[in-house]
């Protein structure tokens, strides 16, 4: 299991409302728990439903998609260690302990596609 990012909402979201909320942003439910989005004619898993929306990104593209998904759900994207991911002026950022780091330009990351991180 990888590092988890959670989509955190002020009010809980019922599974029945999930598909309606994510469809306008281009996401789909596959099976009973996978949230996917298309890229280059293929569906890529971005998150899963476990009573909450949780992702284990393996690329910057997946982090960017999780940010899009969070926005579609009116939520925040939070890491296991409490860091908060956000989009500001077209740039993806992560805030940890009051320090903010830029992850890259959102559109460039989306355009680059889901290439996996390498060690």
N, C-alpha and C. Protein backbone atom coordinates (compact mmCIF):
# COMPACT_ATOMS: atom_id res chain seq x y z
N UNK A 1 0.84 -1.17 0.00
CA UNK A 1 0.00 0.00 0.00
C UNK A 1 0.89 1.24 0.00
N UNK A 2 0.54 2.23 -0.85
CA UNK A 2 1.30 3.46 -0.96
C UNK A 2 0.81 4.52 0.00
N UNK A 3 1.32 5.70 -0.22
CA UNK A 3 0.97 6.85 0.60
C UNK A 3 -0.43 7.33 0.22
N UNK A 4 -1.31 7.48 1.19
CA UNK A 4 -2.70 7.84 0.91
C UNK A 4 -2.94 9.34 1.00
N UNK A 5 -3.73 9.83 0.06
CA UNK A 5 -4.27 11.18 0.09
C UNK A 5 -5.77 11.05 0.23
N UNK A 6 -6.35 11.82 1.12
CA UNK A 6 -7.78 11.73 1.38
C UNK A 6 -8.49 13.01 0.96
N UNK A 7 -9.66 12.81 0.38
CA UNK A 7 -10.54 13.92 0.03
C UNK A 7 -11.42 14.16 1.25
N UNK A 8 -11.24 15.31 1.88
CA UNK A 8 -11.90 15.61 3.14
C UNK A 8 -12.96 16.68 2.93
N UNK A 9 -14.19 16.34 3.30
CA UNK A 9 -15.32 17.28 3.18
C UNK A 9 -15.83 17.66 4.55
N UNK A 10 -16.41 18.84 4.62
CA UNK A 10 -17.03 19.28 5.88
C UNK A 10 -18.25 18.44 6.21
N UNK A 11 -19.02 18.10 5.17
CA UNK A 11 -20.19 17.24 5.39
C UNK A 11 -19.98 15.94 4.63
N UNK A 12 -20.39 14.84 5.21
CA UNK A 12 -20.19 13.54 4.56
C UNK A 12 -20.91 13.45 3.22
N UNK A 13 -20.38 12.62 2.34
CA UNK A 13 -20.97 12.40 1.04
C UNK A 13 -21.43 10.95 0.96
N UNK A 14 -22.69 10.75 0.63
CA UNK A 14 -23.22 9.40 0.48
C UNK A 14 -22.78 8.84 -0.86
N UNK A 15 -22.59 7.53 -0.92
CA UNK A 15 -22.17 6.87 -2.15
C UNK A 15 -23.12 7.19 -3.30
N UNK A 16 -24.41 7.23 -3.00
CA UNK A 16 -25.41 7.50 -4.03
C UNK A 16 -25.21 8.88 -4.67
N UNK A 17 -24.65 9.82 -3.94
CA UNK A 17 -24.43 11.16 -4.46
C UNK A 17 -23.06 11.31 -5.14
N UNK A 18 -22.18 10.35 -4.92
CA UNK A 18 -20.82 10.45 -5.44
C UNK A 18 -20.78 10.55 -6.96
N UNK A 19 -21.43 9.63 -7.65
CA UNK A 19 -21.40 9.62 -9.11
C UNK A 19 -21.96 10.91 -9.69
N UNK A 20 -23.03 11.40 -9.11
CA UNK A 20 -23.62 12.66 -9.61
C UNK A 20 -22.65 13.82 -9.42
N UNK A 21 -21.89 13.82 -8.35
CA UNK A 21 -20.99 14.92 -8.05
C UNK A 21 -19.73 14.90 -8.91
N UNK A 22 -19.24 13.71 -9.28
CA UNK A 22 -17.97 13.64 -10.00
C UNK A 22 -18.12 13.63 -11.52
N UNK A 23 -19.27 13.24 -12.02
CA UNK A 23 -19.47 13.13 -13.47
C UNK A 23 -19.20 14.43 -14.23
N UNK A 24 -19.67 15.60 -13.76
CA UNK A 24 -19.41 16.82 -14.51
C UNK A 24 -17.93 17.15 -14.69
N UNK A 25 -17.07 16.61 -13.81
CA UNK A 25 -15.63 16.85 -13.92
C UNK A 25 -14.94 15.77 -14.75
N UNK A 26 -15.71 14.82 -15.31
CA UNK A 26 -15.15 13.79 -16.17
C UNK A 26 -14.78 12.49 -15.49
N UNK A 27 -15.04 12.38 -14.21
CA UNK A 27 -14.73 11.15 -13.48
C UNK A 27 -15.91 10.18 -13.58
N UNK A 28 -15.61 8.89 -13.42
CA UNK A 28 -16.64 7.85 -13.44
C UNK A 28 -16.38 6.86 -12.33
N UNK A 29 -17.43 6.18 -11.93
CA UNK A 29 -17.30 5.06 -11.00
C UNK A 29 -17.18 3.79 -11.81
N UNK A 30 -16.23 2.95 -11.44
CA UNK A 30 -16.06 1.65 -12.08
C UNK A 30 -16.18 0.61 -10.96
N UNK A 31 -17.14 -0.29 -11.14
CA UNK A 31 -17.40 -1.24 -10.07
C UNK A 31 -18.02 -0.51 -8.88
N UNK A 32 -17.81 -1.03 -7.72
CA UNK A 32 -18.42 -0.42 -6.54
C UNK A 32 -17.49 0.51 -5.78
N UNK A 33 -16.20 0.58 -6.23
CA UNK A 33 -15.31 1.41 -5.41
C UNK A 33 -14.24 2.19 -6.16
N UNK A 34 -14.05 1.99 -7.45
CA UNK A 34 -13.00 2.69 -8.18
C UNK A 34 -13.51 3.96 -8.82
N UNK A 35 -12.74 5.05 -8.67
CA UNK A 35 -13.03 6.30 -9.35
C UNK A 35 -11.96 6.47 -10.41
N UNK A 36 -12.40 6.57 -11.67
CA UNK A 36 -11.47 6.61 -12.79
C UNK A 36 -11.71 7.85 -13.65
N UNK A 37 -10.69 8.16 -14.46
CA UNK A 37 -10.81 9.21 -15.46
C UNK A 37 -10.01 8.77 -16.68
N UNK A 38 -10.46 9.19 -17.84
CA UNK A 38 -9.81 8.78 -19.07
C UNK A 38 -8.61 9.62 -19.44
N UNK A 39 -7.66 8.97 -20.11
CA UNK A 39 -6.50 9.65 -20.70
C UNK A 39 -5.99 8.76 -21.82
N UNK A 40 -5.83 9.31 -23.01
CA UNK A 40 -5.36 8.57 -24.19
C UNK A 40 -6.18 7.31 -24.44
N UNK A 41 -7.49 7.41 -24.29
CA UNK A 41 -8.38 6.30 -24.60
C UNK A 41 -8.44 5.19 -23.55
N UNK A 42 -7.80 5.39 -22.43
CA UNK A 42 -7.82 4.39 -21.35
C UNK A 42 -8.34 5.02 -20.07
N UNK A 43 -8.99 4.21 -19.25
CA UNK A 43 -9.45 4.67 -17.94
C UNK A 43 -8.35 4.40 -16.92
N UNK A 44 -8.04 5.41 -16.13
CA UNK A 44 -7.01 5.30 -15.10
C UNK A 44 -7.64 5.52 -13.73
N UNK A 45 -7.36 4.62 -12.81
CA UNK A 45 -7.88 4.78 -11.45
C UNK A 45 -7.16 5.95 -10.78
N UNK A 46 -7.97 6.80 -10.15
CA UNK A 46 -7.44 7.96 -9.43
C UNK A 46 -7.66 7.78 -7.94
N UNK A 47 -8.78 7.18 -7.58
CA UNK A 47 -9.12 7.02 -6.16
C UNK A 47 -10.06 5.83 -6.00
N UNK A 48 -10.38 5.57 -4.76
CA UNK A 48 -11.36 4.53 -4.46
C UNK A 48 -12.28 5.04 -3.37
N UNK A 49 -13.45 4.43 -3.33
CA UNK A 49 -14.46 4.76 -2.33
C UNK A 49 -14.37 3.75 -1.20
N UNK A 50 -14.13 4.22 0.00
CA UNK A 50 -14.06 3.36 1.18
C UNK A 50 -14.95 3.92 2.29
N UNK A 51 -16.04 4.57 1.88
CA UNK A 51 -16.83 5.35 2.81
C UNK A 51 -16.37 6.80 2.79
N UNK A 52 -15.21 6.98 2.19
CA UNK A 52 -14.61 8.29 1.91
C UNK A 52 -13.82 8.10 0.61
N UNK A 53 -13.36 9.18 0.01
CA UNK A 53 -12.59 9.10 -1.21
C UNK A 53 -11.10 9.13 -0.84
N UNK A 54 -10.38 8.09 -1.27
CA UNK A 54 -8.97 7.93 -0.93
C UNK A 54 -8.20 7.58 -2.19
N UNK A 55 -7.04 8.20 -2.36
CA UNK A 55 -6.18 7.89 -3.49
C UNK A 55 -4.78 7.54 -3.02
N UNK A 56 -4.09 6.74 -3.82
CA UNK A 56 -2.69 6.39 -3.58
C UNK A 56 -1.93 6.74 -4.86
N UNK A 57 -1.61 8.02 -5.05
CA UNK A 57 -1.03 8.44 -6.33
C UNK A 57 0.35 7.84 -6.59
N UNK A 58 0.57 7.55 -7.86
CA UNK A 58 1.87 7.06 -8.31
C UNK A 58 2.50 8.00 -9.31
N UNK A 59 1.86 9.18 -9.50
CA UNK A 59 2.39 10.17 -10.44
C UNK A 59 1.85 11.55 -10.06
N UNK A 60 2.52 12.57 -10.56
CA UNK A 60 2.03 13.94 -10.35
C UNK A 60 0.66 14.11 -11.00
N UNK A 61 0.45 13.43 -12.14
CA UNK A 61 -0.83 13.49 -12.84
C UNK A 61 -1.95 13.00 -11.92
N UNK A 62 -1.72 11.93 -11.20
CA UNK A 62 -2.74 11.42 -10.28
C UNK A 62 -2.99 12.40 -9.14
N UNK A 63 -1.96 13.06 -8.64
CA UNK A 63 -2.16 14.09 -7.61
C UNK A 63 -3.01 15.22 -8.18
N UNK A 64 -2.70 15.64 -9.42
CA UNK A 64 -3.48 16.70 -10.06
C UNK A 64 -4.93 16.27 -10.23
N UNK A 65 -5.16 15.02 -10.63
CA UNK A 65 -6.54 14.53 -10.77
C UNK A 65 -7.24 14.47 -9.42
N UNK A 66 -6.52 14.12 -8.37
CA UNK A 66 -7.12 14.12 -7.03
C UNK A 66 -7.50 15.53 -6.61
N UNK A 67 -6.70 16.52 -7.00
CA UNK A 67 -7.07 17.91 -6.73
C UNK A 67 -8.34 18.28 -7.47
N UNK A 68 -8.45 17.88 -8.74
CA UNK A 68 -9.68 18.13 -9.53
C UNK A 68 -10.88 17.45 -8.88
N UNK A 69 -10.68 16.20 -8.45
CA UNK A 69 -11.74 15.44 -7.81
C UNK A 69 -12.17 16.12 -6.51
N UNK A 70 -11.21 16.58 -5.74
CA UNK A 70 -11.52 17.29 -4.49
C UNK A 70 -12.37 18.53 -4.76
N UNK A 71 -11.98 19.28 -5.79
CA UNK A 71 -12.74 20.48 -6.14
C UNK A 71 -14.15 20.12 -6.57
N UNK A 72 -14.30 19.05 -7.34
CA UNK A 72 -15.63 18.62 -7.79
C UNK A 72 -16.51 18.23 -6.61
N UNK A 73 -15.90 17.77 -5.54
CA UNK A 73 -16.66 17.34 -4.35
C UNK A 73 -16.74 18.43 -3.30
N UNK A 74 -16.20 19.62 -3.57
CA UNK A 74 -16.22 20.70 -2.60
C UNK A 74 -15.43 20.33 -1.35
N UNK A 75 -14.25 19.77 -1.56
CA UNK A 75 -13.46 19.22 -0.46
C UNK A 75 -12.01 19.68 -0.54
N UNK A 76 -11.23 19.25 0.45
CA UNK A 76 -9.78 19.49 0.50
C UNK A 76 -9.06 18.17 0.28
N UNK A 77 -7.84 18.24 -0.22
CA UNK A 77 -7.01 17.06 -0.39
C UNK A 77 -5.94 17.07 0.69
N UNK A 78 -5.93 16.03 1.53
CA UNK A 78 -5.06 15.99 2.70
C UNK A 78 -4.26 14.69 2.70
N UNK A 79 -2.97 14.79 3.00
CA UNK A 79 -2.10 13.63 3.07
C UNK A 79 -2.14 12.97 4.43
N UNK A 80 -1.56 11.78 4.51
CA UNK A 80 -1.53 11.00 5.75
C UNK A 80 -0.90 11.77 6.91
N UNK A 81 0.07 12.62 6.60
CA UNK A 81 0.78 13.35 7.65
C UNK A 81 0.20 14.74 7.90
N UNK A 82 -0.98 15.01 7.34
CA UNK A 82 -1.66 16.27 7.58
C UNK A 82 -1.36 17.38 6.60
N UNK A 83 -0.50 17.11 5.61
CA UNK A 83 -0.21 18.15 4.62
C UNK A 83 -1.45 18.39 3.76
N UNK A 84 -1.57 19.61 3.27
CA UNK A 84 -2.74 20.00 2.48
C UNK A 84 -2.27 20.37 1.07
N UNK A 85 -2.90 19.75 0.09
CA UNK A 85 -2.60 20.01 -1.32
C UNK A 85 -3.65 20.97 -1.85
N UNK A 86 -3.19 21.90 -2.70
CA UNK A 86 -4.14 22.86 -3.27
C UNK A 86 -3.62 23.40 -4.58
N UNK A 87 -4.52 24.07 -5.26
CA UNK A 87 -4.20 24.71 -6.53
C UNK A 87 -4.34 26.21 -6.33
N UNK A 88 -3.26 26.94 -6.63
CA UNK A 88 -3.30 28.41 -6.48
C UNK A 88 -2.69 29.03 -7.74
N UNK A 89 -3.49 29.84 -8.41
CA UNK A 89 -3.04 30.53 -9.62
C UNK A 89 -2.42 29.58 -10.65
N UNK A 90 -3.05 28.40 -10.80
CA UNK A 90 -2.60 27.44 -11.79
C UNK A 90 -1.41 26.59 -11.38
N UNK A 91 -0.97 26.72 -10.13
CA UNK A 91 0.17 25.96 -9.63
C UNK A 91 -0.27 25.05 -8.50
N UNK A 92 0.15 23.78 -8.56
CA UNK A 92 -0.15 22.84 -7.47
C UNK A 92 0.84 23.09 -6.34
N UNK A 93 0.30 23.14 -5.11
CA UNK A 93 1.12 23.38 -3.93
C UNK A 93 0.80 22.35 -2.87
N UNK A 94 1.75 22.16 -1.96
CA UNK A 94 1.52 21.35 -0.78
C UNK A 94 2.02 22.15 0.42
N UNK A 95 1.18 22.22 1.45
CA UNK A 95 1.54 22.93 2.67
C UNK A 95 1.75 21.91 3.78
N UNK A 96 2.93 21.99 4.38
CA UNK A 96 3.29 21.09 5.47
C UNK A 96 3.85 21.94 6.60
N UNK A 97 3.19 21.90 7.74
CA UNK A 97 3.70 22.63 8.91
C UNK A 97 3.94 24.10 8.67
N UNK A 98 3.10 24.74 7.89
CA UNK A 98 3.23 26.17 7.62
C UNK A 98 4.15 26.51 6.47
N UNK A 99 4.86 25.54 5.93
CA UNK A 99 5.75 25.74 4.80
C UNK A 99 5.04 25.28 3.52
N UNK A 100 5.14 26.09 2.46
CA UNK A 100 4.47 25.77 1.20
C UNK A 100 5.51 25.46 0.13
N UNK A 101 5.31 24.36 -0.58
CA UNK A 101 6.19 23.98 -1.69
C UNK A 101 5.36 23.86 -2.96
N UNK A 102 5.90 24.35 -4.07
CA UNK A 102 5.23 24.22 -5.36
C UNK A 102 5.56 22.86 -5.95
N UNK A 103 4.52 22.20 -6.50
CA UNK A 103 4.70 20.91 -7.14
C UNK A 103 4.80 21.01 -8.66
N UNK A 104 4.31 22.10 -9.20
CA UNK A 104 4.37 22.30 -10.64
C UNK A 104 3.11 22.94 -11.17
N UNK A 105 3.16 23.32 -12.45
CA UNK A 105 2.00 23.94 -13.09
C UNK A 105 0.96 22.88 -13.40
N UNK A 106 -0.25 23.13 -12.95
CA UNK A 106 -1.33 22.17 -13.07
C UNK A 106 -1.54 21.71 -14.50
N UNK A 107 -1.70 22.62 -15.43
CA UNK A 107 -1.99 22.26 -16.82
C UNK A 107 -0.85 21.45 -17.44
N UNK A 108 0.40 21.80 -17.14
CA UNK A 108 1.54 21.04 -17.67
C UNK A 108 1.54 19.62 -17.13
N UNK A 109 1.18 19.46 -15.85
CA UNK A 109 1.13 18.13 -15.25
C UNK A 109 0.01 17.31 -15.86
N UNK A 110 -1.16 17.91 -16.04
CA UNK A 110 -2.29 17.21 -16.67
C UNK A 110 -1.91 16.80 -18.10
N UNK A 111 -1.29 17.71 -18.85
CA UNK A 111 -0.92 17.42 -20.24
C UNK A 111 0.13 16.31 -20.33
N UNK A 112 1.00 16.20 -19.32
CA UNK A 112 2.06 15.19 -19.34
C UNK A 112 1.51 13.78 -19.19
N UNK A 113 0.34 13.64 -18.61
CA UNK A 113 -0.29 12.32 -18.48
C UNK A 113 0.20 11.55 -17.26
N UNK A 114 -0.29 10.32 -17.16
CA UNK A 114 -0.10 9.53 -15.94
C UNK A 114 1.20 8.73 -15.84
N UNK A 115 2.29 9.24 -16.40
CA UNK A 115 3.57 8.53 -16.29
C UNK A 115 3.93 8.36 -14.81
N UNK A 116 4.26 7.13 -14.44
CA UNK A 116 4.53 6.81 -13.03
C UNK A 116 5.85 7.45 -12.56
N UNK A 117 5.87 7.76 -11.26
CA UNK A 117 7.12 8.22 -10.65
C UNK A 117 8.14 7.09 -10.71
N UNK A 118 9.38 7.44 -10.84
CA UNK A 118 10.44 6.44 -10.82
C UNK A 118 11.33 6.68 -9.60
N UNK A 119 11.88 5.61 -9.04
CA UNK A 119 12.71 5.77 -7.84
C UNK A 119 14.00 6.50 -8.11
